[in-house]
Amino acid sequence: MNILGHSSVRFIIVGAIATMTHAVMAMILLSFDRDLSVLKVNTAAFLIAVLVSYAGHALYTFKMSGSLYKYILTSIICLFINNTVAFVFDHIAKSKPVAIAVGMLVAPIVGYAISRKWVFSDRQNTKS
């Protein structure tokens, strides 16, 4: 079996690219103004990464467009989880980059489960 043929591996690849997009955008925003709140920076970077993520998942991970409405709802759920974790860790670690990184690690786990079972569930190919 080709490991790249499994949707969870493709999800990780696309997720890594989206996560790198998120991290780079967050660092760029913080480089302009270190006083921006972690929630503003994280939300802006997350929204940019969502575009990268949807395109990657539609074209590569699940190989179908899925429901944009469901994807937006899933993204909102993941943003809430991401921001909640980032907010908590900002107060614990006192480091915005660390807080954002922890949030970026937690939210994708939930995102994969929802995307696979709900957003992209109508695909023709049931092998993944």
C-alpha atoms as a PDB file:
ATOM      1  CA  MET A   1       0.000   0.000   0.000  1.00  0.00           C
ATOM      2  CA  ASN A   2       1.265   3.443  -0.934  1.00  0.00           C
ATOM      3  CA  ILE A   3       1.428   5.513   2.264  1.00  0.00           C
ATOM      4  CA  LEU A   4       0.763   8.722   0.298  1.00  0.00           C
ATOM      5  CA  GLY A   5      -2.482   7.124  -0.875  1.00  0.00           C
ATOM      6  CA  HIS A   6      -4.025   7.329   2.588  1.00  0.00           C
ATOM      7  CA  SER A   7      -6.115  10.448   3.266  1.00  0.00           C
ATOM      8  CA  SER A   8      -4.674  10.914   6.764  1.00  0.00           C
ATOM      9  CA  VAL A   9      -1.135  11.165   5.348  1.00  0.00           C
ATOM     10  CA  ARG A  10      -2.268  13.574   2.635  1.00  0.00           C
ATOM     11  CA  PHE A  11      -4.103  15.563   5.337  1.00  0.00           C
ATOM     12  CA  ILE A  12      -0.860  15.840   7.316  1.00  0.00           C
ATOM     13  CA  ILE A  13       1.049  17.041   4.236  1.00  0.00           C
ATOM     14  CA  VAL A  14      -1.547  19.687   3.359  1.00  0.00           C
ATOM     15  CA  GLY A  15      -1.913  20.560   7.026  1.00  0.00           C
ATOM     16  CA  ALA A  16       1.837  21.066   7.353  1.00  0.00           C
ATOM     17  CA  ILE A  17       1.790  23.473   4.419  1.00  0.00           C
ATOM     18  CA  ALA A  18      -1.215  25.334   5.863  1.00  0.00           C
ATOM     19  CA  THR A  19       0.421  25.376   9.302  1.00  0.00           C
ATOM     20  CA  MET A  20       3.617  26.823   7.862  1.00  0.00           C
ATOM     21  CA  THR A  21       1.484  29.453   6.108  1.00  0.00           C
ATOM     22  CA  HIS A  22      -0.223  30.209   9.443  1.00  0.00           C
ATOM     23  CA  ALA A  23       3.096  30.478  11.305  1.00  0.00           C
ATOM     24  CA  VAL A  24       4.792  32.643   8.685  1.00  0.00           C
ATOM     25  CA  MET A  25       1.810  34.991   8.452  1.00  0.00           C
ATOM     26  CA  ALA A  26       1.627  35.274  12.264  1.00  0.00           C
ATOM     27  CA  MET A  27       5.332  36.097  12.493  1.00  0.00           C
ATOM     28  CA  ILE A  28       5.033  38.661   9.690  1.00  0.00           C
ATOM     29  CA  LEU A  29       2.115  40.338  11.467  1.00  0.00           C
ATOM     30  CA  LEU A  30       3.976  40.331  14.792  1.00  0.00           C
ATOM     31  CA  SER A  31       7.050  41.788  13.085  1.00  0.00           C
ATOM     32  CA  PHE A  32       4.966  44.812  12.093  1.00  0.00           C
ATOM     33  CA  ASP A  33       3.526  45.320  15.573  1.00  0.00           C
ATOM     34  CA  ARG A  34       4.512  43.200  18.615  1.00  0.00           C
ATOM     35  CA  ASP A  35       1.696  44.826  20.586  1.00  0.00           C
ATOM     36  CA  LEU A  36      -1.045  43.269  18.461  1.00  0.00           C
ATOM     37  CA  SER A  37      -3.148  40.889  20.532  1.00  0.00           C
ATOM     38  CA  VAL A  38      -2.479  37.202  20.115  1.00  0.00           C
ATOM     39  CA  LEU A  39      -6.133  36.692  19.122  1.00  0.00           C
ATOM     40  CA  LYS A  40      -5.972  39.264  16.296  1.00  0.00           C
ATOM     41  CA  VAL A  41      -2.697  37.908  14.938  1.00  0.00           C
ATOM     42  CA  ASN A  42      -3.796  34.294  15.258  1.00  0.00           C
ATOM     43  CA  THR A  43      -7.167  34.926  13.613  1.00  0.00           C
ATOM     44  CA  ALA A  44      -5.722  36.794  10.636  1.00  0.00           C
ATOM     45  CA  ALA A  45      -3.017  34.171  10.067  1.00  0.00           C
ATOM     46  CA  PHE A  46      -5.540  31.346  10.512  1.00  0.00           C
ATOM     47  CA  LEU A  47      -7.901  32.795   7.895  1.00  0.00           C
ATOM     48  CA  ILE A  48      -5.120  32.961   5.325  1.00  0.00           C
ATOM     49  CA  ALA A  49      -4.106  29.386   6.150  1.00  0.00           C
ATOM     50  CA  VAL A  50      -7.729  28.231   5.753  1.00  0.00           C
ATOM     51  CA  LEU A  51      -7.633  29.203   2.079  1.00  0.00           C
ATOM     52  CA  VAL A  52      -4.460  27.191   1.561  1.00  0.00           C
ATOM     53  CA  SER A  53      -5.929  24.299   3.515  1.00  0.00           C
ATOM     54  CA  TYR A  54      -9.243  24.113   1.643  1.00  0.00           C
ATOM     55  CA  ALA A  55      -7.529  24.182  -1.747  1.00  0.00           C
ATOM     56  CA  GLY A  56      -5.087  21.465  -0.687  1.00  0.00           C
ATOM     57  CA  HIS A  57      -7.732  19.221   0.822  1.00  0.00           C
ATOM     58  CA  ALA A  58     -10.092  19.596  -2.112  1.00  0.00           C
ATOM     59  CA  LEU A  59      -7.396  19.003  -4.739  1.00  0.00           C
ATOM     60  CA  TYR A  60      -5.121  16.523  -2.955  1.00  0.00           C
ATOM     61  CA  THR A  61      -6.317  15.103   0.366  1.00  0.00           C
ATOM     62  CA  PHE A  62      -9.907  14.170  -0.424  1.00  0.00           C
ATOM     63  CA  LYS A  63      -9.770  14.800  -4.189  1.00  0.00           C
ATOM     64  CA  MET A  64     -13.170  16.453  -4.288  1.00  0.00           C
ATOM     65  CA  SER A  65     -14.460  19.899  -3.465  1.00  0.00           C
ATOM     66  CA  GLY A  66     -16.629  18.980  -0.501  1.00  0.00           C
ATOM     67  CA  SER A  67     -19.099  21.417   0.997  1.00  0.00           C
ATOM     68  CA  LEU A  68     -17.709  24.933   1.292  1.00  0.00           C
ATOM     69  CA  TYR A  69     -20.436  25.746   3.832  1.00  0.00           C
ATOM     70  CA  LYS A  70     -19.406  22.764   5.988  1.00  0.00           C
ATOM     71  CA  TYR A  71     -15.727  23.639   5.555  1.00  0.00           C
ATOM     72  CA  ILE A  72     -16.347  27.195   6.745  1.00  0.00           C
ATOM     73  CA  LEU A  73     -18.223  25.880   9.801  1.00  0.00           C
ATOM     74  CA  THR A  74     -15.412  23.414  10.483  1.00  0.00           C
ATOM     75  CA  SER A  75     -12.872  26.230  10.158  1.00  0.00           C
ATOM     76  CA  ILE A  76     -14.817  28.366  12.627  1.00  0.00           C
ATOM     77  CA  ILE A  77     -14.842  25.475  15.109  1.00  0.00           C
ATOM     78  CA  CYS A  78     -11.111  24.967  14.615  1.00  0.00           C
ATOM     79  CA  LEU A  79     -10.446  28.701  14.922  1.00  0.00           C
ATOM     80  CA  PHE A  80     -12.346  28.731  18.222  1.00  0.00           C
ATOM     81  CA  ILE A  81     -10.312  25.767  19.484  1.00  0.00           C
ATOM     82  CA  ASN A  82      -7.079  27.287  18.163  1.00  0.00           C
ATOM     83  CA  ASN A  83      -7.738  30.692  19.739  1.00  0.00           C
ATOM     84  CA  THR A  84      -8.877  29.186  23.049  1.00  0.00           C
ATOM     85  CA  VAL A  85      -5.704  27.128  23.307  1.00  0.00           C
ATOM     86  CA  ALA A  86      -3.547  30.088  22.164  1.00  0.00           C
ATOM     87  CA  PHE A  87      -5.222  32.405  24.688  1.00  0.00           C
ATOM     88  CA  VAL A  88      -4.668  29.960  27.557  1.00  0.00           C
ATOM     89  CA  PHE A  89      -1.058  29.264  26.593  1.00  0.00           C
ATOM     90  CA  ASP A  90      -0.335  32.974  26.138  1.00  0.00           C
ATOM     91  CA  HIS A  91      -1.181  33.381  29.818  1.00  0.00           C
ATOM     92  CA  ILE A  92       0.754  30.262  30.833  1.00  0.00           C
ATOM     93  CA  ALA A  93       3.878  30.611  28.679  1.00  0.00           C
ATOM     94  CA  LYS A  94       3.877  34.416  28.350  1.00  0.00           C
ATOM     95  CA  SER A  95       5.056  33.950  24.774  1.00  0.00           C
ATOM     96  CA  LYS A  96       2.847  34.757  21.793  1.00  0.00           C
ATOM     97  CA  PRO A  97       4.777  32.553  19.330  1.00  0.00           C
ATOM     98  CA  VAL A  98       4.596  29.576  21.739  1.00  0.00           C
ATOM     99  CA  ALA A  99       0.894  30.168  22.357  1.00  0.00           C
ATOM    100  CA  ILE A 100       0.139  30.314  18.637  1.00  0.00           C
ATOM    101  CA  ALA A 101       2.234  27.189  17.975  1.00  0.00           C
ATOM    102  CA  VAL A 102       0.381  25.142  20.609  1.00  0.00           C
ATOM    103  CA  GLY A 103      -2.965  26.242  19.171  1.00  0.00           C
ATOM    104  CA  MET A 104      -1.785  25.259  15.695  1.00  0.00           C
ATOM    105  CA  LEU A 105      -0.970  21.752  16.943  1.00  0.00           C
ATOM    106  CA  VAL A 106      -4.294  21.060  18.663  1.00  0.00           C
ATOM    107  CA  ALA A 107      -6.881  22.348  16.174  1.00  0.00           C
ATOM    108  CA  PRO A 108      -5.859  20.181  13.162  1.00  0.00           C
ATOM    109  CA  ILE A 109      -6.680  16.957  14.996  1.00  0.00           C
ATOM    110  CA  VAL A 110     -10.288  18.059  15.353  1.00  0.00           C
ATOM    111  CA  GLY A 111     -10.246  19.470  11.814  1.00  0.00           C
ATOM    112  CA  TYR A 112      -9.250  16.143  10.266  1.00  0.00           C
ATOM    113  CA  ALA A 113     -11.978  14.222  12.070  1.00  0.00           C
ATOM    114  CA  ILE A 114     -14.688  16.684  11.055  1.00  0.00           C
ATOM    115  CA  SER A 115     -13.404  17.060   7.487  1.00  0.00           C
ATOM    116  CA  ARG A 116     -13.179  13.335   6.844  1.00  0.00           C
ATOM    117  CA  LYS A 117     -16.533  12.433   8.377  1.00  0.00           C
ATOM    118  CA  TRP A 118     -18.607  15.465   7.428  1.00  0.00           C
ATOM    119  CA  VAL A 119     -17.124  17.996   4.986  1.00  0.00           C
ATOM    120  CA  PHE A 120     -15.696  15.596   2.407  1.00  0.00           C
ATOM    121  CA  SER A 121     -17.853  12.550   3.193  1.00  0.00           C
ATOM    122  CA  ASP A 122     -19.698  12.344  -0.136  1.00  0.00           C
ATOM    123  CA  ARG A 123     -16.693  11.382  -2.206  1.00  0.00           C
ATOM    124  CA  GLN A 124     -16.958   8.536  -4.712  1.00  0.00           C
ATOM    125  CA  ASN A 125     -13.754   6.739  -3.722  1.00  0.00           C
ATOM    126  CA  THR A 126     -14.333   5.058  -0.369  1.00  0.00           C
ATOM    127  CA  LYS A 127     -10.753   3.764  -0.076  1.00  0.00           C
ATOM    128  CA  SER A 128      -8.502   6.096   1.872  1.00  0.00           C
END
